[in-house]
Protein backbone atom coordinates (compact mmCIF):
# COMPACT_ATOMS: atom_id res chain seq x y z
CA MET A 1 132.86 92.80 103.31
CA LYS A 2 130.02 91.34 104.88
CA GLU A 3 127.36 89.39 103.08
CA TYR A 4 123.83 88.33 103.87
CA ASN A 5 122.28 85.38 101.74
CA LEU A 6 118.90 86.41 100.21
CA LYS A 7 116.81 83.68 99.01
CA ILE A 8 114.06 83.38 96.38
CA THR A 9 111.35 81.29 97.21
CA ASN A 10 108.09 80.98 95.83
CA THR A 11 105.84 82.03 98.46
CA ALA A 12 105.61 85.09 100.74
CA PRO A 13 107.70 84.21 104.10
CA THR A 14 105.39 82.88 107.12
CA ASP A 15 108.29 81.55 109.56
CA TRP A 16 111.35 83.86 109.89
CA SER A 17 112.84 81.38 112.26
CA GLU A 18 114.20 79.55 109.02
CA VAL A 19 115.68 82.82 107.67
CA GLU A 20 118.87 84.12 107.80
CA ARG A 21 119.62 86.76 110.68
CA ALA A 22 121.86 89.93 110.05
CA ASN A 23 122.99 90.75 113.66
CA ILE A 24 122.99 94.42 114.24
CA ASP A 25 126.14 94.11 116.49
CA SER A 26 128.65 96.68 114.90
CA TYR A 27 128.65 99.93 117.51
CA VAL A 28 131.75 101.73 116.33
CA TRP A 29 130.75 105.19 117.85
CA GLY A 30 130.60 103.12 121.29
CA GLY A 31 127.56 101.94 123.60
CA ALA A 32 127.60 98.59 123.13
CA GLU A 33 127.28 97.46 126.42
CA ARG A 34 123.77 99.76 126.46
CA ALA A 35 122.42 98.21 123.15
CA TYR A 36 119.37 95.59 122.68
CA ALA A 37 119.84 92.72 120.60
CA THR A 38 118.64 93.80 117.41
CA TYR A 39 118.96 91.96 113.88
CA GLY A 40 117.32 91.79 110.31
CA GLN A 41 116.18 89.52 107.79
CA LEU A 42 115.37 89.58 104.46
CA SER A 43 113.59 87.20 101.81
CA TYR A 44 112.36 87.45 98.03
CA ALA A 45 108.96 85.94 96.70
CA LYS A 46 108.62 85.56 93.33
CA THR A 47 104.80 84.78 93.27
CA GLY A 48 103.64 86.35 89.82
CA ASP A 49 101.11 88.55 91.49
CA GLU A 50 100.91 91.53 93.68
CA LYS A 51 102.95 89.42 96.52
CA SER A 52 105.91 89.26 94.69
CA GLY A 53 108.63 91.60 96.28
CA LEU A 54 110.99 92.05 99.02
CA TYR A 55 110.19 91.29 102.39
CA ILE A 56 111.72 93.02 105.55
CA HIS A 57 112.02 91.66 108.97
CA LEU A 58 113.58 93.95 111.46
CA PHE A 59 113.61 92.40 115.52
CA CYS A 60 114.49 94.04 118.18
CA GLU A 61 114.72 93.10 122.23
CA GLU A 62 113.62 96.01 123.63
CA LYS A 63 110.39 95.70 125.43
CA ASN A 64 109.44 99.34 126.08
CA PRO A 65 110.44 101.07 123.15
CA VAL A 66 109.56 105.28 123.30
CA SER A 67 108.24 106.87 119.73
CA ILE A 68 106.83 110.48 119.85
CA GLU A 69 106.95 111.16 115.81
CA THR A 70 103.68 110.88 114.20
CA GLN A 71 104.32 112.64 110.99
CA LEU A 72 104.82 110.30 108.01
CA ASP A 73 108.66 111.00 106.79
CA GLY A 74 109.17 112.92 109.98
CA LYS A 75 112.19 112.53 112.43
CA VAL A 76 111.62 109.05 113.10
CA TYR A 77 115.27 108.55 113.91
CA GLU A 78 114.97 110.67 116.60
CA ASP A 79 113.04 107.58 118.30
CA SER A 80 113.40 104.00 119.00
CA CYS A 81 113.75 102.97 115.40
CA MET A 82 114.98 100.29 113.13
CA GLU A 83 116.30 100.86 109.52
CA PHE A 84 117.06 98.95 106.38
CA PHE A 85 119.20 101.02 103.53
CA PHE A 86 120.01 99.23 100.27
CA THR A 87 120.38 99.49 96.55
CA MET A 88 119.81 97.32 93.71
CA ARG A 89 121.48 97.08 89.87
CA ASP A 90 121.68 95.44 86.93
CA ILE A 91 125.17 93.73 87.04
CA SER A 92 126.63 95.50 84.04
CA ALA A 93 125.11 99.04 85.19
CA GLY A 94 126.49 101.18 87.93
CA ASP A 95 124.38 102.35 91.17
CA ILE A 96 122.17 105.23 91.06
CA GLY A 97 121.15 105.80 94.63
CA TYR A 98 119.77 103.77 97.27
CA ILE A 99 116.79 103.56 99.12
CA ASN A 100 116.58 104.07 103.08
CA ILE A 101 113.26 102.75 105.03
CA GLU A 102 113.06 104.15 108.71
CA CYS A 103 110.53 102.99 111.15
CA ASN A 104 109.79 103.84 114.87
CA SER A 105 107.72 101.51 117.09
CA LEU A 106 104.39 103.42 116.09
CA GLY A 107 104.73 102.11 112.68
CA ILE A 108 105.55 105.39 111.40
CA SER A 109 108.23 105.61 108.49
CA ARG A 110 110.61 107.35 106.24
CA ILE A 111 111.10 106.30 103.42
CA SER A 112 113.03 107.80 100.30
CA PHE A 113 115.66 107.76 97.76
CA GLY A 114 118.80 109.20 96.41
CA GLU A 115 122.61 108.61 96.05
CA GLY A 116 123.46 110.40 99.61
CA ARG A 117 122.13 112.23 102.66
CA HIS A 118 121.19 115.22 101.14
CA GLY A 119 118.91 115.60 97.70
CA ARG A 120 116.65 112.73 98.91
CA VAL A 121 113.39 112.42 97.37
CA PHE A 122 110.28 110.77 99.21
CA LEU A 123 108.46 107.69 97.69
CA GLY A 124 105.14 110.15 96.94
CA GLU A 125 107.67 112.58 94.42
CA LEU A 126 108.73 109.39 92.40
CA GLY A 127 104.84 108.53 91.82
CA ILE A 128 105.65 105.03 94.10
CA GLU A 129 103.09 103.99 96.73
CA ARG A 130 104.09 103.83 100.21
CA PHE A 131 105.59 100.51 101.18
CA PRO A 132 102.93 98.32 103.34
CA ILE A 133 104.47 98.54 107.16
CA SER A 134 103.38 96.70 110.10
CA VAL A 135 104.74 96.72 113.81
CA ASN A 136 103.95 94.60 116.77
CA ILE A 137 105.11 95.11 120.07
CA GLY A 138 105.60 92.02 122.29
CA ASN A 139 106.55 90.34 125.76
CA GLU A 140 110.18 89.75 124.09
CA GLY A 141 110.77 92.98 122.25
CA TRP A 142 109.41 94.26 119.03
CA GLU A 143 109.56 93.91 115.36
CA ILE A 144 108.66 95.67 112.22
CA LEU A 145 107.75 93.98 108.88
CA VAL A 146 107.77 95.81 105.58
CA PHE A 147 106.89 94.74 101.90
CA VAL A 148 108.49 96.41 98.61
CA PRO A 149 106.78 95.39 95.83
CA GLU A 150 108.53 94.17 92.73
CA SER A 151 106.87 96.72 90.54
CA SER A 152 108.23 99.44 93.20
CA LEU A 153 111.72 97.98 92.83
CA LYS A 154 111.78 97.64 88.76
CA LYS A 155 110.53 101.26 88.73
CA ILE A 156 113.23 102.67 91.47
CA PHE A 157 116.19 100.98 90.12
CA GLY A 158 115.19 100.60 86.59
CA LEU A 159 115.46 96.97 86.49
CA SER A 160 113.82 94.63 83.89
CA ASP A 161 114.17 91.83 86.44
CA ILE A 162 115.25 90.90 90.30
CA SER A 163 117.10 87.21 89.99
CA GLU A 164 120.51 85.74 91.14
CA ASP A 165 122.16 88.04 88.48
CA THR A 166 121.24 91.29 90.35
CA VAL A 167 124.04 93.28 92.52
CA MET A 168 122.24 94.31 95.85
CA ARG A 169 123.94 95.79 98.77
CA GLY A 170 122.70 97.15 101.89
CA ASN A 171 122.86 98.13 105.50
CA PHE A 172 120.66 97.28 109.23
CA TYR A 173 120.62 99.86 111.66
CA LYS A 174 118.90 100.81 115.33
CA CYS A 175 119.20 103.87 117.30
CA ASP A 176 117.01 106.13 119.28
CA GLU A 177 118.46 109.56 119.52
CA ASN A 178 115.92 111.11 122.16
CA ALA A 179 116.71 108.36 124.59
CA GLY A 180 120.34 108.41 123.69
CA ALA A 181 120.94 104.99 122.73
CA PRO A 182 124.32 103.93 121.01
CA PHE A 183 123.87 103.72 117.19
CA GLY A 184 124.36 100.54 115.74
CA SER A 185 124.84 98.61 112.66
CA TRP A 186 125.30 95.17 110.86
CA SER A 187 127.75 96.45 108.36
CA PRO A 188 130.49 98.33 110.21
CA ILE A 189 130.83 102.18 109.13
CA ALA A 190 133.78 103.75 108.19
CA SER A 191 133.01 107.49 109.70
CA PRO A 192 134.10 109.53 112.74
CA SER A 193 130.61 110.51 113.89
CA PRO A 194 127.45 108.48 113.66
CA ASP A 195 126.21 108.65 110.10
CA PHE A 196 123.87 105.94 108.64
CA HIS A 197 123.95 107.59 105.14
CA ARG A 198 127.51 106.07 103.87
CA PRO A 199 126.56 103.68 100.75
CA GLU A 200 129.86 102.47 100.78
CA SER A 201 129.84 100.87 103.77
CA PHE A 202 127.29 98.93 102.92
CA GLY A 203 127.43 95.08 103.17
CA ARG A 204 127.03 92.74 100.15
CA ILE A 205 123.43 90.75 99.88
CA VAL A 206 123.66 87.55 97.68
CA ILE A 207 120.66 86.93 95.78
CA THR A 208 120.17 83.12 95.83
CA LYS A 209 117.45 80.21 94.85
């Protein structure tokens, strides 16, 4: 099982060059030779205020991403899209589901919660405000920045606190169904056909200080 070290800091991240990268380099359904170099990064801030929470950074060396979907919670996965799925739980509890965050190069996101591909619930139905997301497109590629407030994580996963004792698993993805781009992931997926909704294939995310 792949592992990623997620560090708890007392400030929001400002320099992602100092944060561990999770390279999206598993192409179990082929097409690696056509893939753009892509990676994900995580940081957790304990600031004691509204900036406390999970910070997600995704970057792809794709200089001209093409996206069509403009409807929130629409089919962004058909566009040039980067994604992060994850779950959290107390060490003595069992998994109750996972969050999927999918975003195209227009900054349009699809975010929901559930135990599998079917029966998923969008944030609004859970009484959770939409996570702030920004997208930047530059000469070297494009990036996504997502902030998931600590208060939202506690409410969704039923956590009293988030610390080194919190069990976390997840996976980073890149796809573009419209362009026929390969389906890539950080943690390899055991499935005969493309399917990102495979929590059993999530990698381990180790929370440290």
